[in-house]
């Protein structure tokens, strides 16, 4: 199967991901979400997402950026910018999971905060400090964690970590 066919298959499967009712507010296009939800004091230029994927043993997937990429060698969860072409924030999140790890989102379970008593979302500048992004992370169930596929131009390694 060609990469293009594989990508098309993945995109059609992405659109079929189940969404928990608690995530309805993220089932909007990014620009609409920003218009409705962004407070003037935290005005963000765009949205980014992260995907927390756990395997059957409860270990979380982390991926390492390529040494030639921005923020070289950094370990992170799969995710990235929600594009204007993404129908919703959650579909942008699923697309990023597919592009960065080759995994298909089966169900979006809930939003994840940065810690106890924290609101969802983190506002941060881009690397040149010319834009502000608001990032949300989601607990995502995938079809399988067995076949993580990385694009070597973007990521060089992955592991399922247990936090130790």
N, C-alpha and C. Protein backbone atom coordinates (compact mmCIF):
# COMPACT_ATOMS: atom_id res chain seq x y z
N UNK A 1 0.84 -1.17 0.00
CA UNK A 1 0.00 0.00 0.00
C UNK A 1 0.89 1.24 0.00
N UNK A 2 0.60 2.19 -0.87
CA UNK A 2 1.40 3.40 -0.93
C UNK A 2 1.14 4.27 0.29
N UNK A 3 2.08 5.20 0.59
CA UNK A 3 1.90 6.11 1.72
C UNK A 3 0.64 6.94 1.51
N UNK A 4 0.37 7.37 0.27
CA UNK A 4 -0.81 8.18 0.01
C UNK A 4 -2.08 7.38 0.30
N UNK A 5 -2.15 6.12 -0.14
CA UNK A 5 -3.31 5.29 0.15
C UNK A 5 -3.42 5.04 1.65
N UNK A 6 -2.29 4.79 2.27
CA UNK A 6 -2.26 4.55 3.69
C UNK A 6 -2.77 5.78 4.44
N UNK A 7 -2.34 6.97 4.02
CA UNK A 7 -2.78 8.20 4.64
C UNK A 7 -4.28 8.39 4.45
N UNK A 8 -4.79 8.17 3.25
CA UNK A 8 -6.23 8.31 3.01
C UNK A 8 -7.01 7.34 3.87
N UNK A 9 -6.54 6.11 3.99
CA UNK A 9 -7.21 5.13 4.83
C UNK A 9 -7.22 5.62 6.27
N UNK A 10 -6.10 6.12 6.74
CA UNK A 10 -6.01 6.63 8.10
C UNK A 10 -6.93 7.81 8.33
N UNK A 11 -7.01 8.73 7.38
CA UNK A 11 -7.87 9.90 7.54
C UNK A 11 -9.32 9.47 7.62
N UNK A 12 -9.76 8.55 6.79
CA UNK A 12 -11.16 8.13 6.86
C UNK A 12 -11.44 7.43 8.18
N UNK A 13 -10.48 6.72 8.72
CA UNK A 13 -10.65 6.06 10.02
C UNK A 13 -10.58 7.06 11.15
N UNK A 14 -9.81 8.13 10.99
CA UNK A 14 -9.73 9.18 12.00
C UNK A 14 -11.10 9.78 12.23
N UNK A 15 -11.82 10.03 11.17
CA UNK A 15 -13.12 10.69 11.26
C UNK A 15 -14.13 9.83 12.00
N UNK A 16 -13.84 8.55 12.19
CA UNK A 16 -14.77 7.64 12.85
C UNK A 16 -14.52 7.51 14.35
N UNK A 17 -13.57 8.23 14.90
CA UNK A 17 -13.26 8.11 16.33
C UNK A 17 -14.47 8.51 17.18
N UNK A 18 -14.74 7.73 18.22
CA UNK A 18 -15.80 8.06 19.16
C UNK A 18 -15.33 9.22 20.04
N UNK A 19 -16.27 10.01 20.51
CA UNK A 19 -15.95 11.16 21.34
C UNK A 19 -16.82 11.13 22.58
N UNK A 20 -16.19 11.14 23.76
CA UNK A 20 -16.94 11.20 25.01
C UNK A 20 -17.73 12.51 25.05
N UNK A 21 -18.93 12.46 25.62
CA UNK A 21 -19.80 13.64 25.68
C UNK A 21 -19.13 14.82 26.38
N UNK A 22 -18.21 14.57 27.31
CA UNK A 22 -17.54 15.65 28.03
C UNK A 22 -16.63 16.47 27.13
N UNK A 23 -16.37 15.98 25.92
CA UNK A 23 -15.46 16.67 24.99
C UNK A 23 -16.20 17.43 23.89
N UNK A 24 -17.50 17.58 24.03
CA UNK A 24 -18.30 18.24 22.99
C UNK A 24 -17.78 19.64 22.65
N UNK A 25 -17.24 20.36 23.65
CA UNK A 25 -16.78 21.73 23.37
C UNK A 25 -15.56 21.76 22.46
N UNK A 26 -14.87 20.63 22.28
CA UNK A 26 -13.72 20.56 21.37
C UNK A 26 -14.09 19.97 20.02
N UNK A 27 -15.36 19.70 19.83
CA UNK A 27 -15.83 19.15 18.56
C UNK A 27 -16.27 20.30 17.65
N UNK A 28 -15.39 21.31 17.58
CA UNK A 28 -15.59 22.53 16.77
C UNK A 28 -14.33 22.80 15.97
N UNK A 29 -14.43 23.53 14.86
CA UNK A 29 -13.21 23.98 14.18
C UNK A 29 -12.39 24.86 15.11
N UNK A 30 -11.07 24.86 14.93
CA UNK A 30 -10.17 25.61 15.82
C UNK A 30 -10.52 27.10 15.88
N UNK A 31 -10.77 27.72 14.75
CA UNK A 31 -11.08 29.16 14.76
C UNK A 31 -12.36 29.44 15.53
N UNK A 32 -13.34 28.56 15.39
CA UNK A 32 -14.59 28.73 16.14
C UNK A 32 -14.33 28.53 17.64
N UNK A 33 -13.54 27.53 17.99
CA UNK A 33 -13.22 27.30 19.40
C UNK A 33 -12.54 28.53 19.99
N UNK A 34 -11.58 29.10 19.28
CA UNK A 34 -10.88 30.29 19.76
C UNK A 34 -11.84 31.47 19.92
N UNK A 35 -12.73 31.65 18.96
CA UNK A 35 -13.68 32.77 19.01
C UNK A 35 -14.60 32.64 20.22
N UNK A 36 -15.07 31.43 20.50
CA UNK A 36 -16.04 31.20 21.57
C UNK A 36 -15.38 31.13 22.95
N UNK A 37 -14.19 30.55 23.04
CA UNK A 37 -13.62 30.20 24.34
C UNK A 37 -12.42 31.01 24.81
N UNK A 38 -11.76 31.73 23.95
CA UNK A 38 -10.51 32.37 24.34
C UNK A 38 -10.77 33.70 25.03
N UNK A 39 -10.26 33.82 26.25
CA UNK A 39 -10.37 35.06 26.99
C UNK A 39 -9.39 36.09 26.42
N UNK A 40 -9.76 37.37 26.42
CA UNK A 40 -8.86 38.40 25.86
C UNK A 40 -7.46 38.38 26.48
N UNK A 41 -7.35 38.07 27.77
CA UNK A 41 -6.04 38.07 28.42
C UNK A 41 -5.15 36.92 27.96
N UNK A 42 -5.74 35.86 27.44
CA UNK A 42 -4.96 34.71 26.97
C UNK A 42 -5.15 34.50 25.48
N UNK A 43 -5.46 35.56 24.76
CA UNK A 43 -5.73 35.43 23.33
C UNK A 43 -4.64 34.61 22.66
N UNK A 44 -5.06 33.50 22.06
CA UNK A 44 -4.12 32.63 21.36
C UNK A 44 -4.32 32.78 19.86
N UNK A 45 -3.24 32.59 19.12
CA UNK A 45 -3.29 32.67 17.67
C UNK A 45 -3.71 31.34 17.05
N UNK A 46 -3.54 30.26 17.78
CA UNK A 46 -3.88 28.95 17.26
C UNK A 46 -3.98 27.93 18.37
N UNK A 47 -4.46 26.74 18.00
CA UNK A 47 -4.60 25.64 18.94
C UNK A 47 -3.65 24.52 18.58
N UNK A 48 -3.17 23.86 19.61
CA UNK A 48 -2.35 22.66 19.45
C UNK A 48 -2.93 21.60 20.37
N UNK A 49 -2.65 20.35 20.05
CA UNK A 49 -3.16 19.25 20.87
C UNK A 49 -2.05 18.27 21.18
N UNK A 50 -2.27 17.50 22.22
CA UNK A 50 -1.40 16.40 22.58
C UNK A 50 -2.27 15.18 22.82
N UNK A 51 -1.72 14.01 22.59
CA UNK A 51 -2.47 12.77 22.73
C UNK A 51 -1.76 11.85 23.72
N UNK A 52 -2.42 11.58 24.83
CA UNK A 52 -1.90 10.62 25.80
C UNK A 52 -2.47 9.26 25.45
N UNK A 53 -1.58 8.38 25.02
CA UNK A 53 -1.96 7.03 24.58
C UNK A 53 -1.33 6.03 25.54
N UNK A 54 -2.16 5.19 26.14
CA UNK A 54 -1.69 4.18 27.08
C UNK A 54 -1.85 2.80 26.47
N UNK A 55 -0.86 1.94 26.70
CA UNK A 55 -0.99 0.55 26.23
C UNK A 55 -1.72 -0.26 27.31
N UNK A 56 -1.86 -1.56 27.06
CA UNK A 56 -2.60 -2.42 27.99
C UNK A 56 -1.95 -2.51 29.36
N UNK A 57 -0.65 -2.26 29.45
CA UNK A 57 0.05 -2.29 30.74
C UNK A 57 -0.02 -0.94 31.46
N UNK A 58 -0.68 0.04 30.86
CA UNK A 58 -0.80 1.35 31.48
C UNK A 58 0.39 2.27 31.23
N UNK A 59 1.26 1.90 30.30
CA UNK A 59 2.41 2.74 29.96
C UNK A 59 2.01 3.73 28.87
N UNK A 60 2.58 4.93 28.95
CA UNK A 60 2.22 6.00 28.03
C UNK A 60 3.25 6.12 26.90
N UNK A 61 2.76 6.41 25.71
CA UNK A 61 3.61 6.59 24.54
C UNK A 61 4.26 7.97 24.57
N UNK A 62 5.59 7.99 24.43
CA UNK A 62 6.32 9.24 24.21
C UNK A 62 7.20 9.05 22.99
N UNK A 63 7.39 10.14 22.25
CA UNK A 63 8.20 10.10 21.03
C UNK A 63 9.30 11.15 21.14
N UNK A 64 10.44 10.86 20.49
CA UNK A 64 11.58 11.77 20.57
C UNK A 64 11.76 12.49 19.23
N UNK A 65 11.83 13.80 19.30
CA UNK A 65 12.02 14.60 18.08
C UNK A 65 13.36 14.25 17.43
N UNK A 66 13.40 14.40 16.12
CA UNK A 66 14.63 14.18 15.37
C UNK A 66 15.67 15.22 15.79
N UNK A 67 16.93 14.86 15.67
CA UNK A 67 18.00 15.80 16.07
C UNK A 67 18.06 17.01 15.14
N UNK A 68 17.49 16.90 13.93
CA UNK A 68 17.51 18.01 12.98
C UNK A 68 16.23 18.84 13.03
N UNK A 69 15.27 18.47 13.87
CA UNK A 69 13.98 19.15 13.95
C UNK A 69 14.08 20.30 14.95
N UNK A 70 13.05 21.16 14.96
CA UNK A 70 13.01 22.20 16.01
C UNK A 70 12.88 21.48 17.35
N UNK A 71 13.45 22.03 18.36
CA UNK A 71 13.52 21.41 19.69
C UNK A 71 14.11 20.00 19.57
N UNK A 72 15.35 19.90 19.06
CA UNK A 72 15.97 18.60 18.79
C UNK A 72 16.06 17.69 20.01
N UNK A 73 15.79 16.42 19.76
CA UNK A 73 15.93 15.33 20.74
C UNK A 73 14.95 15.39 21.91
N UNK A 74 14.01 16.29 21.88
CA UNK A 74 13.05 16.44 22.97
C UNK A 74 12.05 15.28 22.95
N UNK A 75 11.74 14.76 24.13
CA UNK A 75 10.72 13.72 24.28
C UNK A 75 9.38 14.41 24.54
N UNK A 76 8.31 13.91 23.90
CA UNK A 76 7.00 14.53 24.01
C UNK A 76 5.92 13.50 23.69
N UNK A 77 4.69 13.88 23.96
CA UNK A 77 3.59 13.04 23.52
C UNK A 77 3.23 13.44 22.09
N UNK A 78 2.66 12.52 21.30
CA UNK A 78 2.29 12.88 19.93
C UNK A 78 1.25 14.01 19.91
N UNK A 79 1.43 14.94 19.01
CA UNK A 79 0.48 16.04 18.89
C UNK A 79 1.05 17.14 18.03
N UNK A 80 0.33 18.22 17.94
CA UNK A 80 0.79 19.34 17.14
C UNK A 80 -0.35 20.30 16.85
N UNK A 81 -0.11 21.20 15.92
CA UNK A 81 -1.06 22.26 15.60
C UNK A 81 -2.32 21.70 14.96
N UNK A 82 -3.44 22.31 15.31
CA UNK A 82 -4.70 22.03 14.65
C UNK A 82 -4.74 22.94 13.43
N UNK A 83 -4.86 22.36 12.25
CA UNK A 83 -4.85 23.12 11.00
C UNK A 83 -6.23 23.69 10.69
N UNK A 84 -6.26 24.77 9.91
CA UNK A 84 -7.54 25.35 9.48
C UNK A 84 -8.37 24.33 8.70
N UNK A 85 -7.70 23.40 8.03
CA UNK A 85 -8.41 22.39 7.23
C UNK A 85 -9.02 21.28 8.07
N UNK A 86 -8.62 21.16 9.34
CA UNK A 86 -9.18 20.13 10.21
C UNK A 86 -10.62 20.51 10.55
N UNK A 87 -11.57 19.59 10.33
CA UNK A 87 -12.97 19.93 10.61
C UNK A 87 -13.23 20.31 12.06
N UNK A 88 -12.53 19.68 13.00
CA UNK A 88 -12.71 20.00 14.42
C UNK A 88 -11.36 19.89 15.13
N UNK A 89 -11.31 20.41 16.35
CA UNK A 89 -10.10 20.31 17.17
C UNK A 89 -9.74 18.84 17.39
N UNK A 90 -10.74 18.01 17.71
CA UNK A 90 -10.47 16.60 17.98
C UNK A 90 -9.99 15.86 16.73
N UNK A 91 -10.53 16.21 15.57
CA UNK A 91 -10.06 15.57 14.34
C UNK A 91 -8.64 16.03 14.01
N UNK A 92 -8.29 17.26 14.36
CA UNK A 92 -6.91 17.71 14.21
C UNK A 92 -5.99 16.93 15.14
N UNK A 93 -6.46 16.65 16.34
CA UNK A 93 -5.69 15.86 17.29
C UNK A 93 -5.47 14.45 16.77
N UNK A 94 -6.53 13.85 16.23
CA UNK A 94 -6.43 12.50 15.66
C UNK A 94 -5.50 12.49 14.45
N UNK A 95 -5.55 13.53 13.63
CA UNK A 95 -4.66 13.61 12.46
C UNK A 95 -3.21 13.67 12.91
N UNK A 96 -2.92 14.48 13.91
CA UNK A 96 -1.55 14.59 14.42
C UNK A 96 -1.07 13.25 14.99
N UNK A 97 -1.94 12.53 15.68
CA UNK A 97 -1.58 11.22 16.21
C UNK A 97 -1.23 10.27 15.06
N UNK A 98 -2.01 10.31 14.00
CA UNK A 98 -1.75 9.48 12.82
C UNK A 98 -0.44 9.87 12.15
N UNK A 99 -0.23 11.19 11.95
CA UNK A 99 0.98 11.66 11.27
C UNK A 99 2.24 11.40 12.08
N UNK A 100 2.18 11.58 13.38
CA UNK A 100 3.39 11.48 14.20
C UNK A 100 3.70 10.07 14.67
N UNK A 101 2.68 9.24 14.85
CA UNK A 101 2.92 7.90 15.40
C UNK A 101 2.31 6.78 14.58
N UNK A 102 1.56 7.11 13.53
CA UNK A 102 0.93 6.08 12.71
C UNK A 102 -0.18 5.34 13.44
N UNK A 103 -0.74 5.95 14.48
CA UNK A 103 -1.79 5.30 15.26
C UNK A 103 -3.15 5.91 14.96
N UNK A 104 -4.16 5.07 14.98
CA UNK A 104 -5.53 5.49 14.68
C UNK A 104 -6.31 5.66 15.98
N UNK A 105 -6.82 6.85 16.18
CA UNK A 105 -7.65 7.13 17.36
C UNK A 105 -8.94 6.34 17.26
N UNK A 106 -9.26 5.65 18.32
CA UNK A 106 -10.51 4.88 18.38
C UNK A 106 -11.56 5.65 19.20
N UNK A 107 -11.08 6.28 20.29
CA UNK A 107 -12.00 7.01 21.17
C UNK A 107 -11.24 8.09 21.93
N UNK A 108 -11.82 9.28 21.97
CA UNK A 108 -11.33 10.36 22.81
C UNK A 108 -12.08 10.26 24.13
N UNK A 109 -11.33 9.98 25.23
CA UNK A 109 -11.96 9.71 26.53
C UNK A 109 -12.22 10.96 27.36
N UNK A 110 -11.20 11.80 27.52
CA UNK A 110 -11.36 13.02 28.31
C UNK A 110 -10.16 13.94 28.09
N UNK A 111 -10.34 15.20 28.50
CA UNK A 111 -9.26 16.16 28.45
C UNK A 111 -8.37 15.92 29.67
N UNK A 112 -7.08 16.19 29.51
CA UNK A 112 -6.10 15.98 30.59
C UNK A 112 -5.55 17.34 31.00
N UNK A 113 -5.47 17.59 32.29
CA UNK A 113 -4.94 18.87 32.78
C UNK A 113 -3.46 18.72 33.11
N UNK A 114 -2.83 19.84 33.40
CA UNK A 114 -1.41 19.85 33.75
C UNK A 114 -1.16 19.41 35.18
N UNK A 115 -2.21 19.22 35.96
CA UNK A 115 -2.07 18.77 37.33
C UNK A 115 -3.36 18.98 38.10
N UNK A 116 -3.39 18.54 39.36
CA UNK A 116 -4.59 18.71 40.17
C UNK A 116 -4.98 20.18 40.28
N UNK A 117 -6.26 20.44 40.29
CA UNK A 117 -6.80 21.80 40.44
C UNK A 117 -6.40 22.74 39.31
N UNK A 118 -5.95 22.21 38.18
CA UNK A 118 -5.59 23.03 37.03
C UNK A 118 -6.71 22.97 35.99
N UNK A 119 -6.88 24.06 35.26
CA UNK A 119 -7.83 24.08 34.15
C UNK A 119 -7.16 23.43 32.95
N UNK A 120 -7.95 22.85 32.05
CA UNK A 120 -7.35 22.31 30.82
C UNK A 120 -6.72 23.44 30.00
N UNK A 121 -5.69 23.11 29.28
CA UNK A 121 -5.06 24.06 28.37
C UNK A 121 -3.81 24.69 28.94
N UNK A 122 -2.89 24.95 28.05
CA UNK A 122 -1.63 25.60 28.40
C UNK A 122 -1.35 26.60 27.28
N UNK A 123 -1.11 27.85 27.63
CA UNK A 123 -0.78 28.88 26.64
C UNK A 123 0.72 29.08 26.64
N UNK A 124 1.30 29.06 25.46
CA UNK A 124 2.75 29.22 25.35
C UNK A 124 3.10 29.88 24.01
N UNK A 125 4.27 30.53 23.91
CA UNK A 125 4.67 31.15 22.65
C UNK A 125 5.32 30.14 21.71
N UNK A 126 5.31 30.45 20.42
CA UNK A 126 6.08 29.63 19.49
C UNK A 126 7.57 29.92 19.70
N UNK A 127 8.42 29.21 18.98
CA UNK A 127 9.87 29.31 19.22
C UNK A 127 10.44 30.69 18.90
N UNK A 128 9.76 31.48 18.06
CA UNK A 128 10.23 32.82 17.73
C UNK A 128 9.50 33.91 18.53
N UNK A 129 8.61 33.51 19.41
CA UNK A 129 7.83 34.42 20.25
C UNK A 129 6.98 35.40 19.45
N UNK A 130 6.53 34.97 18.27
CA UNK A 130 5.69 35.83 17.44
C UNK A 130 4.21 35.44 17.52
N UNK A 131 3.91 34.27 18.07
CA UNK A 131 2.53 33.80 18.20
C UNK A 131 2.35 33.09 19.53
N UNK A 132 1.09 33.08 19.99
CA UNK A 132 0.75 32.33 21.20
C UNK A 132 -0.15 31.17 20.80
N UNK A 133 0.13 30.02 21.38
CA UNK A 133 -0.64 28.81 21.13
C UNK A 133 -1.31 28.37 22.43
N UNK A 134 -2.47 27.78 22.29
CA UNK A 134 -3.15 27.17 23.42
C UNK A 134 -3.19 25.66 23.12
N UNK A 135 -2.65 24.87 24.05
CA UNK A 135 -2.54 23.43 23.83
C UNK A 135 -3.42 22.67 24.82
N UNK A 136 -4.17 21.73 24.28
CA UNK A 136 -4.98 20.82 25.08
C UNK A 136 -4.51 19.41 24.83
N UNK A 137 -4.50 18.62 25.88
CA UNK A 137 -4.13 17.21 25.73
C UNK A 137 -5.32 16.34 26.07
N UNK A 138 -5.40 15.22 25.37
CA UNK A 138 -6.54 14.31 25.52
C UNK A 138 -6.06 12.89 25.77
N UNK A 139 -6.80 12.18 26.61
CA UNK A 139 -6.60 10.75 26.80
C UNK A 139 -7.29 10.08 25.61
N UNK A 140 -6.51 9.36 24.81
CA UNK A 140 -7.02 8.78 23.57
C UNK A 140 -6.80 7.27 23.56
N UNK A 141 -7.86 6.55 23.29
CA UNK A 141 -7.74 5.10 23.09
C UNK A 141 -7.48 4.89 21.60
N UNK A 142 -6.50 4.05 21.27
CA UNK A 142 -6.17 3.78 19.88
C UNK A 142 -6.53 2.34 19.52
N UNK A 143 -6.60 2.08 18.23
CA UNK A 143 -6.90 0.72 17.79
C UNK A 143 -5.86 -0.27 18.28
N UNK A 144 -4.59 0.12 18.25
CA UNK A 144 -3.51 -0.73 18.72
C UNK A 144 -2.26 0.10 18.92
N UNK A 145 -1.50 -0.23 19.96
CA UNK A 145 -0.20 0.43 20.20
C UNK A 145 0.94 -0.38 19.60
N UNK A 146 0.62 -1.46 18.94
CA UNK A 146 1.62 -2.42 18.46
C UNK A 146 2.53 -1.87 17.36
N UNK A 147 1.99 -1.04 16.49
CA UNK A 147 2.76 -0.65 15.29
C UNK A 147 2.98 0.85 15.20
N UNK A 148 3.71 1.41 16.14
CA UNK A 148 4.04 2.82 16.09
C UNK A 148 4.97 3.03 14.88
N UNK A 149 4.61 4.02 14.05
CA UNK A 149 5.41 4.34 12.86
C UNK A 149 5.77 5.81 12.90
N UNK A 150 7.06 6.09 12.95
CA UNK A 150 7.54 7.47 13.02
C UNK A 150 8.04 7.94 11.67
N UNK A 151 7.88 9.23 11.39
CA UNK A 151 8.50 9.86 10.24
C UNK A 151 9.90 10.28 10.68
N UNK A 152 10.97 9.67 10.13
CA UNK A 152 12.32 9.97 10.60
C UNK A 152 12.73 11.43 10.42
N UNK A 153 12.03 12.18 9.59
CA UNK A 153 12.33 13.61 9.45
C UNK A 153 11.87 14.39 10.68
N UNK A 154 10.88 13.82 11.41
CA UNK A 154 10.33 14.52 12.56
C UNK A 154 10.67 13.87 13.89
N UNK A 155 10.70 12.53 13.94
CA UNK A 155 10.93 11.83 15.20
C UNK A 155 11.88 10.65 14.99
N UNK A 156 12.71 10.40 16.00
CA UNK A 156 13.74 9.38 15.85
C UNK A 156 13.54 8.15 16.72
N UNK A 157 12.70 8.24 17.76
CA UNK A 157 12.53 7.11 18.66
C UNK A 157 11.20 7.24 19.40
N UNK A 158 10.77 6.13 19.98
CA UNK A 158 9.60 6.14 20.83
C UNK A 158 9.78 5.13 21.93
N UNK A 159 9.02 5.29 22.99
CA UNK A 159 8.98 4.28 24.04
C UNK A 159 7.66 4.37 24.77
N UNK A 160 7.32 3.29 25.43
CA UNK A 160 6.14 3.25 26.29
C UNK A 160 6.69 3.37 27.70
N UNK A 161 6.45 4.51 28.32
CA UNK A 161 7.04 4.78 29.63
C UNK A 161 6.06 4.60 30.76
N UNK A 162 6.59 4.27 31.93
CA UNK A 162 5.73 4.11 33.11
C UNK A 162 5.98 5.21 34.14
N UNK A 163 6.72 6.23 33.75
CA UNK A 163 6.95 7.36 34.65
C UNK A 163 8.07 7.16 35.65
N UNK A 164 8.77 6.06 35.56
CA UNK A 164 9.86 5.80 36.52
C UNK A 164 11.20 6.17 35.94
